[in-house]
Amino acid sequence: MSDDRPIIKKVIKVSGGGHHGGAWKVAYADFVTAMMAFFLLMWLINTTTPEQKRGVADYFAPASISESRSGAGGILGGTALGEDGNRNSGTTELVKERTPKSPKQPDKSTGKGSASSTDISESAMNEALARREEMAFNSAAESLRQAMQDLPELAELSKNLLIDQTPEGLRIQIIDQEARSMFEPGSATPKPRTVVLLRSVAKIIEKLPNRISIYGHTDASTGSGNNWNLSFDRANAARAVFADNGLPEDRIYQVTGKAGSEPLFPDDPFMPGNRRISIVLLREAPPLPPGYKL
């Protein structure tokens, strides 16, 4: 027996946006909008000045609320009308709290505070001048040594030149060697090689502002006459070479004859190296600019 009953299929239609519906899209859009507003707010905070921020805050403040703050601090404290009352504006107080205190000025009546700062300034300036002078002396010595190497006529005189620094200043000594005298025997006339060497020294010291002292020295022998006059005449002859090569006269501090009183080799006062000319660039502060005050 066949079953002729019709087959009925039940179809269920699902309406909406899938398993979770479409509500998540709305929530995601709100989230993105909120994040955009947040980052925009952070950007504005970083790019605006405190005055602009205060203006924006005042713009959005309700007009019905007073900008004044209660002087007493309480809810019903009120605002005093007198000049000596407790009235205080919030904005003015904020500015006062952020205003830096002015530094204390030294007491002019007692002079405290000014002396110490002056001492510090003078000490710092003296140290700076000493460092600059030391660098200038080292540069002058190096330039003179370099000139001795570069010029053939001076290379053979390297043993006749001594350069060192003393408490008095940078000392350049032109000394006699065995069988190589820098002056004519018993005379104040410099030999041609001595003149060449003095000219090179003049070019170096001319670049510095320091004054110079020139000392003449002899050995302990007295056979050539009066060593005091001879030592002075040789020092003065060196001064004349400097003057002929453009060194101003006011750069010369003193020209002195020492005779044999300060031998370079005390153990052998008759040694030829004791006969010498010493040129000293004095350690002294250069003149300050006009109107300069410490």
C-alpha atoms as a PDB file:
ATOM      1  CA  MET A   1       0.000   0.000   0.000  1.00  0.00           C
ATOM      2  CA  SER A   2       1.600   3.268  -1.139  1.00  0.00           C
ATOM      3  CA  ASP A   3       1.649   6.433   0.896  1.00  0.00           C
ATOM      4  CA  ASP A   4       0.325   9.321  -1.253  1.00  0.00           C
ATOM      5  CA  ARG A   5       0.559  12.013   1.449  1.00  0.00           C
ATOM      6  CA  PRO A   6       2.431  15.112   0.327  1.00  0.00           C
ATOM      7  CA  ILE A   7       5.856  15.889   1.829  1.00  0.00           C
ATOM      8  CA  ILE A   8       5.917  19.201   3.654  1.00  0.00           C
ATOM      9  CA  LYS A   9       9.325  20.959   4.163  1.00  0.00           C
ATOM     10  CA  LYS A  10       9.671  23.548   6.853  1.00  0.00           C
ATOM     11  CA  VAL A  11      12.003  26.413   5.894  1.00  0.00           C
ATOM     12  CA  ILE A  12      13.198  28.820   8.606  1.00  0.00           C
ATOM     13  CA  LYS A  13      14.355  32.227   7.334  1.00  0.00           C
ATOM     14  CA  VAL A  14      16.959  34.066   9.366  1.00  0.00           C
ATOM     15  CA  SER A  15      16.702  37.814   9.259  1.00  0.00           C
ATOM     16  CA  GLY A  16      19.429  40.212  10.392  1.00  0.00           C
ATOM     17  CA  GLY A  17      23.236  40.404  10.034  1.00  0.00           C
ATOM     18  CA  GLY A  18      24.372  36.904  10.818  1.00  0.00           C
ATOM     19  CA  HIS A  19      25.002  35.168  14.073  1.00  0.00           C
ATOM     20  CA  HIS A  20      25.618  38.308  16.149  1.00  0.00           C
ATOM     21  CA  GLY A  21      23.514  40.776  14.245  1.00  0.00           C
ATOM     22  CA  GLY A  22      24.758  44.252  13.131  1.00  0.00           C
ATOM     23  CA  ALA A  23      24.944  45.948  16.540  1.00  0.00           C
ATOM     24  CA  TRP A  24      28.735  45.486  16.763  1.00  0.00           C
ATOM     25  CA  LYS A  25      29.269  47.801  13.829  1.00  0.00           C
ATOM     26  CA  VAL A  26      27.586  50.621  15.654  1.00  0.00           C
ATOM     27  CA  ALA A  27      29.663  49.991  18.782  1.00  0.00           C
ATOM     28  CA  TYR A  28      32.898  49.868  16.749  1.00  0.00           C
ATOM     29  CA  ALA A  29      32.027  53.130  15.023  1.00  0.00           C
ATOM     30  CA  ASP A  30      31.424  54.803  18.385  1.00  0.00           C
ATOM     31  CA  PHE A  31      34.749  53.453  19.652  1.00  0.00           C
ATOM     32  CA  VAL A  32      36.685  54.810  16.645  1.00  0.00           C
ATOM     33  CA  THR A  33      34.973  58.176  16.998  1.00  0.00           C
ATOM     34  CA  ALA A  34      35.851  58.325  20.697  1.00  0.00           C
ATOM     35  CA  MET A  35      39.505  57.448  20.002  1.00  0.00           C
ATOM     36  CA  MET A  36      39.690  60.118  17.306  1.00  0.00           C
ATOM     37  CA  ALA A  37      38.305  62.686  19.699  1.00  0.00           C
ATOM     38  CA  PHE A  38      40.757  61.527  22.396  1.00  0.00           C
ATOM     39  CA  PHE A  39      43.827  61.860  20.165  1.00  0.00           C
ATOM     40  CA  LEU A  40      42.582  65.192  18.873  1.00  0.00           C
ATOM     41  CA  LEU A  41      42.256  66.386  22.473  1.00  0.00           C
ATOM     42  CA  MET A  42      45.777  65.202  23.322  1.00  0.00           C
ATOM     43  CA  TRP A  43      47.164  67.003  20.280  1.00  0.00           C
ATOM     44  CA  LEU A  44      45.428  70.222  21.253  1.00  0.00           C
ATOM     45  CA  ILE A  45      46.752  69.961  24.806  1.00  0.00           C
ATOM     46  CA  ASN A  46      50.326  69.596  23.578  1.00  0.00           C
ATOM     47  CA  THR A  47      50.160  72.424  21.049  1.00  0.00           C
ATOM     48  CA  THR A  48      48.349  75.105  23.050  1.00  0.00           C
ATOM     49  CA  THR A  49      49.908  77.513  25.519  1.00  0.00           C
ATOM     50  CA  PRO A  50      48.754  77.827  29.138  1.00  0.00           C
ATOM     51  CA  GLU A  51      47.038  81.128  28.263  1.00  0.00           C
ATOM     52  CA  GLN A  52      45.115  79.466  25.420  1.00  0.00           C
ATOM     53  CA  LYS A  53      44.073  76.609  27.667  1.00  0.00           C
ATOM     54  CA  ARG A  54      42.829  79.061  30.256  1.00  0.00           C
ATOM     55  CA  GLY A  55      40.849  80.895  27.549  1.00  0.00           C
ATOM     56  CA  VAL A  56      39.255  77.652  26.340  1.00  0.00           C
ATOM     57  CA  ALA A  57      38.350  76.736  29.924  1.00  0.00           C
ATOM     58  CA  ASP A  58      36.755  80.141  30.496  1.00  0.00           C
ATOM     59  CA  TYR A  59      34.843  79.808  27.202  1.00  0.00           C
ATOM     60  CA  PHE A  60      33.223  76.526  28.224  1.00  0.00           C
ATOM     61  CA  ALA A  61      32.585  77.611  31.821  1.00  0.00           C
ATOM     62  CA  PRO A  62      28.882  78.226  32.604  1.00  0.00           C
ATOM     63  CA  ALA A  63      28.052  81.921  32.502  1.00  0.00           C
ATOM     64  CA  SER A  64      25.927  81.695  35.651  1.00  0.00           C
ATOM     65  CA  ILE A  65      28.846  80.640  37.840  1.00  0.00           C
ATOM     66  CA  SER A  66      30.962  83.364  39.344  1.00  0.00           C
ATOM     67  CA  GLU A  67      34.669  83.346  38.471  1.00  0.00           C
ATOM     68  CA  SER A  68      35.535  84.608  41.935  1.00  0.00           C
ATOM     69  CA  ARG A  69      36.527  82.313  44.727  1.00  0.00           C
ATOM     70  CA  SER A  70      35.246  82.697  48.246  1.00  0.00           C
ATOM     71  CA  GLY A  71      37.700  84.506  50.420  1.00  0.00           C
ATOM     72  CA  ALA A  72      36.754  82.511  53.511  1.00  0.00           C
ATOM     73  CA  GLY A  73      37.006  79.202  51.707  1.00  0.00           C
ATOM     74  CA  GLY A  74      33.590  77.943  52.766  1.00  0.00           C
ATOM     75  CA  ILE A  75      30.352  77.533  50.874  1.00  0.00           C
ATOM     76  CA  LEU A  76      28.738  80.566  52.489  1.00  0.00           C
ATOM     77  CA  GLY A  77      31.938  82.483  53.080  1.00  0.00           C
ATOM     78  CA  GLY A  78      30.891  85.266  50.691  1.00  0.00           C
ATOM     79  CA  THR A  79      33.085  87.944  49.224  1.00  0.00           C
ATOM     80  CA  ALA A  80      34.324  90.899  51.211  1.00  0.00           C
ATOM     81  CA  LEU A  81      33.828  94.345  49.665  1.00  0.00           C
ATOM     82  CA  GLY A  82      36.599  96.100  51.555  1.00  0.00           C
ATOM     83  CA  GLU A  83      40.196  96.325  50.375  1.00  0.00           C
ATOM     84  CA  ASP A  84      41.320  94.401  53.457  1.00  0.00           C
ATOM     85  CA  GLY A  85      38.733  91.632  53.043  1.00  0.00           C
ATOM     86  CA  ASN A  86      39.198  88.053  52.016  1.00  0.00           C
ATOM     87  CA  ARG A  87      38.175  88.593  48.383  1.00  0.00           C
ATOM     88  CA  ASN A  88      40.471  86.775  45.974  1.00  0.00           C
ATOM     89  CA  SER A  89      40.175  85.973  42.311  1.00  0.00           C
ATOM     90  CA  GLY A  90      41.036  82.466  41.305  1.00  0.00           C
ATOM     91  CA  THR A  91      42.779  83.508  38.116  1.00  0.00           C
ATOM     92  CA  THR A  92      44.880  86.177  39.837  1.00  0.00           C
ATOM     93  CA  GLU A  93      45.909  83.758  42.555  1.00  0.00           C
ATOM     94  CA  LEU A  94      47.059  81.248  39.958  1.00  0.00           C
ATOM     95  CA  VAL A  95      49.314  83.829  38.344  1.00  0.00           C
ATOM     96  CA  LYS A  96      50.739  84.892  41.681  1.00  0.00           C
ATOM     97  CA  GLU A  97      51.570  81.345  42.669  1.00  0.00           C
ATOM     98  CA  ARG A  98      53.434  80.746  39.401  1.00  0.00           C
ATOM     99  CA  THR A  99      55.382  84.003  39.452  1.00  0.00           C
ATOM    100  CA  PRO A 100      59.000  83.182  40.413  1.00  0.00           C
ATOM    101  CA  LYS A 101      60.507  85.015  43.316  1.00  0.00           C
ATOM    102  CA  SER A 102      63.118  87.590  42.410  1.00  0.00           C
ATOM    103  CA  PRO A 103      66.666  86.716  43.565  1.00  0.00           C
ATOM    104  CA  LYS A 104      67.942  88.414  46.661  1.00  0.00           C
ATOM    105  CA  GLN A 105      70.055  91.436  45.907  1.00  0.00           C
ATOM    106  CA  PRO A 106      73.296  91.957  47.844  1.00  0.00           C
ATOM    107  CA  ASP A 107      73.154  94.444  50.672  1.00  0.00           C
ATOM    108  CA  LYS A 108      74.756  97.588  49.252  1.00  0.00           C
ATOM    109  CA  SER A 109      75.063  99.164  52.684  1.00  0.00           C
ATOM    110  CA  THR A 110      77.326  96.389  54.009  1.00  0.00           C
ATOM    111  CA  GLY A 111      78.861  95.338  50.709  1.00  0.00           C
ATOM    112  CA  LYS A 112      78.271  91.635  51.425  1.00  0.00           C
ATOM    113  CA  GLY A 113      77.967  89.420  48.383  1.00  0.00           C
ATOM    114  CA  SER A 114      79.631  91.875  45.975  1.00  0.00           C
ATOM    115  CA  ALA A 115      83.196  91.352  47.213  1.00  0.00           C
ATOM    116  CA  SER A 116      83.082  87.583  46.816  1.00  0.00           C
ATOM    117  CA  SER A 117      81.720  87.780  43.266  1.00  0.00           C
ATOM    118  CA  THR A 118      84.403  90.329  42.354  1.00  0.00           C
ATOM    119  CA  ASP A 119      87.117  88.083  43.777  1.00  0.00           C
ATOM    120  CA  ILE A 120      85.787  85.141  41.790  1.00  0.00           C
ATOM    121  CA  SER A 121      85.704  87.214  38.599  1.00  0.00           C
ATOM    122  CA  GLU A 122      89.274  88.439  39.090  1.00  0.00           C
ATOM    123  CA  SER A 123      90.500  84.930  39.887  1.00  0.00           C
ATOM    124  CA  ALA A 124      88.796  83.453  36.815  1.00  0.00           C
ATOM    125  CA  MET A 125      90.196  86.200  34.592  1.00  0.00           C
ATOM    126  CA  ASN A 126      93.715  85.742  35.958  1.00  0.00           C
ATOM    127  CA  GLU A 127      93.534  82.005  35.321  1.00  0.00           C
ATOM    128  CA  ALA A 128      92.266  82.555  31.774  1.00  0.00           C
ATOM    129  CA  LEU A 129      95.025  85.077  31.067  1.00  0.00           C
ATOM    130  CA  ALA A 130      97.654  82.712  32.476  1.00  0.00           C
ATOM    131  CA  ARG A 131      96.423  79.868  30.274  1.00  0.00           C
ATOM    132  CA  ARG A 132      96.373  82.099  27.206  1.00  0.00           C
ATOM    133  CA  GLU A 133      99.879  83.372  27.946  1.00  0.00           C
ATOM    134  CA  GLU A 134     101.163  79.822  28.422  1.00  0.00           C
ATOM    135  CA  MET A 135      99.716  78.783  25.065  1.00  0.00           C
ATOM    136  CA  ALA A 136     101.245  81.846  23.391  1.00  0.00           C
ATOM    137  CA  PHE A 137     104.685  81.079  24.869  1.00  0.00           C
ATOM    138  CA  ASN A 138     104.524  77.459  23.735  1.00  0.00           C
ATOM    139  CA  SER A 139     103.479  78.541  20.258  1.00  0.00           C
ATOM    140  CA  ALA A 140     106.332  81.072  20.055  1.00  0.00           C
ATOM    141  CA  ALA A 141     108.900  78.490  21.152  1.00  0.00           C
ATOM    142  CA  GLU A 142     107.606  75.964  18.637  1.00  0.00           C
ATOM    143  CA  SER A 143     107.650  78.547  15.836  1.00  0.00           C
ATOM    144  CA  LEU A 144     111.252  79.455  16.601  1.00  0.00           C
ATOM    145  CA  ARG A 145     112.335  75.807  16.637  1.00  0.00           C
ATOM    146  CA  GLN A 146     110.544  75.260  13.342  1.00  0.00           C
ATOM    147  CA  ALA A 147     112.309  78.264  11.825  1.00  0.00           C
ATOM    148  CA  MET A 148     115.635  76.783  12.907  1.00  0.00           C
ATOM    149  CA  GLN A 149     114.816  73.623  10.952  1.00  0.00           C
ATOM    150  CA  ASP A 150     113.420  75.326   7.853  1.00  0.00           C
ATOM    151  CA  LEU A 151     116.185  77.864   7.257  1.00  0.00           C
ATOM    152  CA  PRO A 152     119.557  76.394   6.230  1.00  0.00           C
ATOM    153  CA  GLU A 153     121.471  79.374   7.628  1.00  0.00           C
ATOM    154  CA  LEU A 154     119.885  78.750  11.043  1.00  0.00           C
ATOM    155  CA  ALA A 155     120.091  74.957  11.139  1.00  0.00           C
ATOM    156  CA  GLU A 156     123.774  75.008  12.109  1.00  0.00           C
ATOM    157  CA  LEU A 157     122.980  77.414  14.981  1.00  0.00           C
ATOM    158  CA  SER A 158     120.566  75.075  16.749  1.00  0.00           C
ATOM    159  CA  LYS A 159     123.172  74.318  19.419  1.00  0.00           C
ATOM    160  CA  ASN A 160     123.607  78.043  20.037  1.00  0.00           C
ATOM    161  CA  LEU A 161     119.957  78.523  20.945  1.00  0.00           C
ATOM    162  CA  LEU A 162     118.287  77.598  24.249  1.00  0.00           C
ATOM    163  CA  ILE A 163     114.559  78.106  24.877  1.00  0.00           C
ATOM    164  CA  ASP A 164     112.906  77.563  28.248  1.00  0.00           C
ATOM    165  CA  GLN A 165     110.333  79.081  30.590  1.00  0.00           C
ATOM    166  CA  THR A 166     111.192  80.733  33.882  1.00  0.00           C
ATOM    167  CA  PRO A 167     109.082  82.475  36.529  1.00  0.00           C
ATOM    168  CA  GLU A 168     109.977  85.708  34.751  1.00  0.00           C
ATOM    169  CA  GLY A 169     108.678  84.519  31.355  1.00  0.00           C
ATOM    170  CA  LEU A 170     109.732  82.793  28.126  1.00  0.00           C
ATOM    171  CA  ARG A 171     113.530  82.932  27.892  1.00  0.00           C
ATOM    172  CA  ILE A 172     115.414  82.712  24.589  1.00  0.00           C
ATOM    173  CA  GLN A 173     119.219  82.488  24.999  1.00  0.00           C
ATOM    174  CA  ILE A 174     121.829  82.870  22.279  1.00  0.00           C
ATOM    175  CA  ILE A 175     124.996  81.324  23.682  1.00  0.00           C
ATOM    176  CA  ASP A 176     128.560  80.834  22.564  1.00  0.00           C
ATOM    177  CA  GLN A 177     129.883  77.403  21.733  1.00  0.00           C
ATOM    178  CA  GLU A 178     133.456  76.203  21.631  1.00  0.00           C
ATOM    179  CA  ALA A 179     135.028  77.742  18.529  1.00  0.00           C
ATOM    180  CA  ARG A 180     131.681  79.317  17.593  1.00  0.00           C
ATOM    181  CA  SER A 181     131.338  82.744  19.154  1.00  0.00           C
ATOM    182  CA  MET A 182     128.251  84.866  18.527  1.00  0.00           C
ATOM    183  CA  PHE A 183     130.147  88.185  18.909  1.00  0.00           C
ATOM    184  CA  GLU A 184     133.526  89.344  17.857  1.00  0.00           C
ATOM    185  CA  PRO A 185     136.045  88.574  20.622  1.00  0.00           C
ATOM    186  CA  GLY A 186     136.028  91.321  23.237  1.00  0.00           C
ATOM    187  CA  SER A 187     133.585  93.348  21.115  1.00  0.00           C
ATOM    188  CA  ALA A 188     129.875  94.190  21.094  1.00  0.00           C
ATOM    189  CA  THR A 189     129.622  93.693  17.327  1.00  0.00           C
ATOM    190  CA  PRO A 190     127.440  90.668  16.529  1.00  0.00           C
ATOM    191  CA  LYS A 191     128.600  88.271  13.838  1.00  0.00           C
ATOM    192  CA  PRO A 192     126.460  87.915  10.688  1.00  0.00           C
ATOM    193  CA  ARG A 193     125.004  84.598  11.818  1.00  0.00           C
ATOM    194  CA  THR A 194     124.015  86.235  15.122  1.00  0.00           C
ATOM    195  CA  VAL A 195     122.179  88.990  13.254  1.00  0.00           C
ATOM    196  CA  VAL A 196     120.284  86.388  11.207  1.00  0.00           C
ATOM    197  CA  LEU A 197     119.280  84.567  14.384  1.00  0.00           C
ATOM    198  CA  LEU A 198     118.198  87.791  16.125  1.00  0.00           C
ATOM    199  CA  ARG A 199     116.045  88.706  13.105  1.00  0.00           C
ATOM    200  CA  SER A 200     114.241  85.367  13.339  1.00  0.00           C
ATOM    201  CA  VAL A 201     113.668  85.906  17.059  1.00  0.00           C
ATOM    202  CA  ALA A 202     112.312  89.416  16.345  1.00  0.00           C
ATOM    203  CA  LYS A 203     109.729  88.021  13.887  1.00  0.00           C
ATOM    204  CA  ILE A 204     108.430  85.612  16.536  1.00  0.00           C
ATOM    205  CA  ILE A 205     108.239  87.982  19.494  1.00  0.00           C
ATOM    206  CA  GLU A 206     106.720  90.762  17.372  1.00  0.00           C
ATOM    207  CA  LYS A 207     103.501  88.730  17.195  1.00  0.00           C
ATOM    208  CA  LEU A 208     103.084  88.738  20.983  1.00  0.00           C
ATOM    209  CA  PRO A 209     102.004  91.707  23.137  1.00  0.00           C
ATOM    210  CA  ASN A 210     104.450  91.020  25.985  1.00  0.00           C
ATOM    211  CA  ARG A 211     107.292  93.373  26.723  1.00  0.00           C
ATOM    212  CA  ILE A 212     110.830  91.990  26.685  1.00  0.00           C
ATOM    213  CA  SER A 213     113.944  92.262  28.798  1.00  0.00           C
ATOM    214  CA  ILE A 214     117.384  91.789  27.254  1.00  0.00           C
ATOM    215  CA  TYR A 215     120.318  90.645  29.393  1.00  0.00           C
ATOM    216  CA  GLY A 216     123.963  90.422  28.379  1.00  0.00           C
ATOM    217  CA  HIS A 217     126.264  87.893  30.063  1.00  0.00           C
ATOM    218  CA  THR A 218     129.984  87.223  29.909  1.00  0.00           C
ATOM    219  CA  ASP A 219     132.201  84.571  31.400  1.00  0.00           C
ATOM    220  CA  ALA A 220     134.352  85.165  34.449  1.00  0.00           C
ATOM    221  CA  SER A 221     137.456  86.133  32.534  1.00  0.00           C
ATOM    222  CA  THR A 222     138.612  89.741  32.819  1.00  0.00           C
ATOM    223  CA  GLY A 223     141.235  89.741  30.093  1.00  0.00           C
ATOM    224  CA  SER A 224     138.939  91.473  27.582  1.00  0.00           C
ATOM    225  CA  GLY A 225     138.318  94.546  29.734  1.00  0.00           C
ATOM    226  CA  ASN A 226     135.284  95.633  31.732  1.00  0.00           C
ATOM    227  CA  ASN A 227     132.743  92.802  31.535  1.00  0.00           C
ATOM    228  CA  TRP A 228     129.940  94.987  32.845  1.00  0.00           C
ATOM    229  CA  ASN A 229     130.203  97.416  29.970  1.00  0.00           C
ATOM    230  CA  LEU A 230     130.772  94.609  27.480  1.00  0.00           C
ATOM    231  CA  SER A 231     127.712  92.653  28.610  1.00  0.00           C
ATOM    232  CA  PHE A 232     125.534  95.760  28.444  1.00  0.00           C
ATOM    233  CA  ASP A 233     126.834  96.767  25.005  1.00  0.00           C
ATOM    234  CA  ARG A 234     126.067  93.298  23.610  1.00  0.00           C
ATOM    235  CA  ALA A 235     122.535  93.392  25.049  1.00  0.00           C
ATOM    236  CA  ASN A 236     122.058  96.846  23.569  1.00  0.00           C
ATOM    237  CA  ALA A 237     123.337  95.616  20.204  1.00  0.00           C
ATOM    238  CA  ALA A 238     120.651  92.921  20.254  1.00  0.00           C
ATOM    239  CA  ARG A 239     118.070  95.615  21.033  1.00  0.00           C
ATOM    240  CA  ALA A 240     119.272  97.608  18.023  1.00  0.00           C
ATOM    241  CA  VAL A 241     118.798  94.588  15.733  1.00  0.00           C
ATOM    242  CA  PHE A 242     115.229  94.196  17.054  1.00  0.00           C
ATOM    243  CA  ALA A 243     114.515  97.878  16.437  1.00  0.00           C
ATOM    244  CA  ASP A 244     115.879  97.671  12.889  1.00  0.00           C
ATOM    245  CA  ASN A 245     113.488  94.779  12.221  1.00  0.00           C
ATOM    246  CA  GLY A 246     110.312  96.573  13.269  1.00  0.00           C
ATOM    247  CA  LEU A 247     110.018  95.857  16.991  1.00  0.00           C
ATOM    248  CA  PRO A 248     108.534  98.988  18.675  1.00  0.00           C
ATOM    249  CA  GLU A 249     110.684 100.698  21.265  1.00  0.00           C
ATOM    250  CA  ASP A 250     107.897 100.563  23.866  1.00  0.00           C
ATOM    251  CA  ARG A 251     108.122  96.765  23.774  1.00  0.00           C
ATOM    252  CA  ILE A 252     111.565  96.955  25.398  1.00  0.00           C
ATOM    253  CA  TYR A 253     111.227  96.880  29.177  1.00  0.00           C
ATOM    254  CA  GLN A 254     114.910  96.903  30.109  1.00  0.00           C
ATOM    255  CA  VAL A 255     118.403  96.306  28.739  1.00  0.00           C
ATOM    256  CA  THR A 256     120.801  95.061  31.403  1.00  0.00           C
ATOM    257  CA  GLY A 257     124.427  93.939  31.598  1.00  0.00           C
ATOM    258  CA  LYS A 258     125.019  91.084  34.024  1.00  0.00           C
ATOM    259  CA  ALA A 259     128.717  90.488  33.328  1.00  0.00           C
ATOM    260  CA  GLY A 260     129.626  87.115  34.881  1.00  0.00           C
ATOM    261  CA  SER A 261     127.308  87.393  37.894  1.00  0.00           C
ATOM    262  CA  GLU A 262     124.829  84.765  36.645  1.00  0.00           C
ATOM    263  CA  PRO A 263     126.797  82.037  34.853  1.00  0.00           C
ATOM    264  CA  LEU A 264     124.868  79.438  32.903  1.00  0.00           C
ATOM    265  CA  PHE A 265     127.355  76.831  34.096  1.00  0.00           C
ATOM    266  CA  PRO A 266     128.164  77.732  37.717  1.00  0.00           C
ATOM    267  CA  ASP A 267     130.616  74.830  38.036  1.00  0.00           C
ATOM    268  CA  ASP A 268     132.763  76.285  35.255  1.00  0.00           C
ATOM    269  CA  PRO A 269     132.412  80.107  35.156  1.00  0.00           C
ATOM    270  CA  PHE A 270     135.034  80.323  32.382  1.00  0.00           C
ATOM    271  CA  MET A 271     133.108  78.045  30.014  1.00  0.00           C
ATOM    272  CA  PRO A 272     132.227  79.681  26.642  1.00  0.00           C
ATOM    273  CA  GLY A 273     128.503  78.875  27.159  1.00  0.00           C
ATOM    274  CA  ASN A 274     128.388  81.486  29.903  1.00  0.00           C
ATOM    275  CA  ARG A 275     128.802  84.183  27.233  1.00  0.00           C
ATOM    276  CA  ARG A 276     125.282  84.749  26.004  1.00  0.00           C
ATOM    277  CA  ILE A 277     122.364  87.075  25.300  1.00  0.00           C
ATOM    278  CA  SER A 278     119.063  86.350  27.106  1.00  0.00           C
ATOM    279  CA  ILE A 279     115.790  87.670  25.665  1.00  0.00           C
ATOM    280  CA  VAL A 280     112.881  87.218  28.088  1.00  0.00           C
ATOM    281  CA  LEU A 281     109.223  87.707  27.149  1.00  0.00           C
ATOM    282  CA  LEU A 282     107.825  88.916  30.456  1.00  0.00           C
ATOM    283  CA  ARG A 283     104.865  87.314  32.150  1.00  0.00           C
ATOM    284  CA  GLU A 284     102.446  90.199  32.541  1.00  0.00           C
ATOM    285  CA  ALA A 285      98.770  90.779  31.901  1.00  0.00           C
ATOM    286  CA  PRO A 286      98.182  92.577  28.588  1.00  0.00           C
ATOM    287  CA  PRO A 287      96.465  95.971  28.825  1.00  0.00           C
ATOM    288  CA  LEU A 288      92.697  95.743  29.153  1.00  0.00           C
ATOM    289  CA  PRO A 289      90.378  97.373  26.601  1.00  0.00           C
ATOM    290  CA  PRO A 290      89.381 101.003  27.329  1.00  0.00           C
ATOM    291  CA  GLY A 291      86.428 101.258  29.687  1.00  0.00           C
ATOM    292  CA  TYR A 292      86.719  97.621  30.849  1.00  0.00           C
ATOM    293  CA  LYS A 293      85.984  97.109  34.531  1.00  0.00           C
ATOM    294  CA  LEU A 294      86.329  93.978  36.627  1.00  0.00           C
END
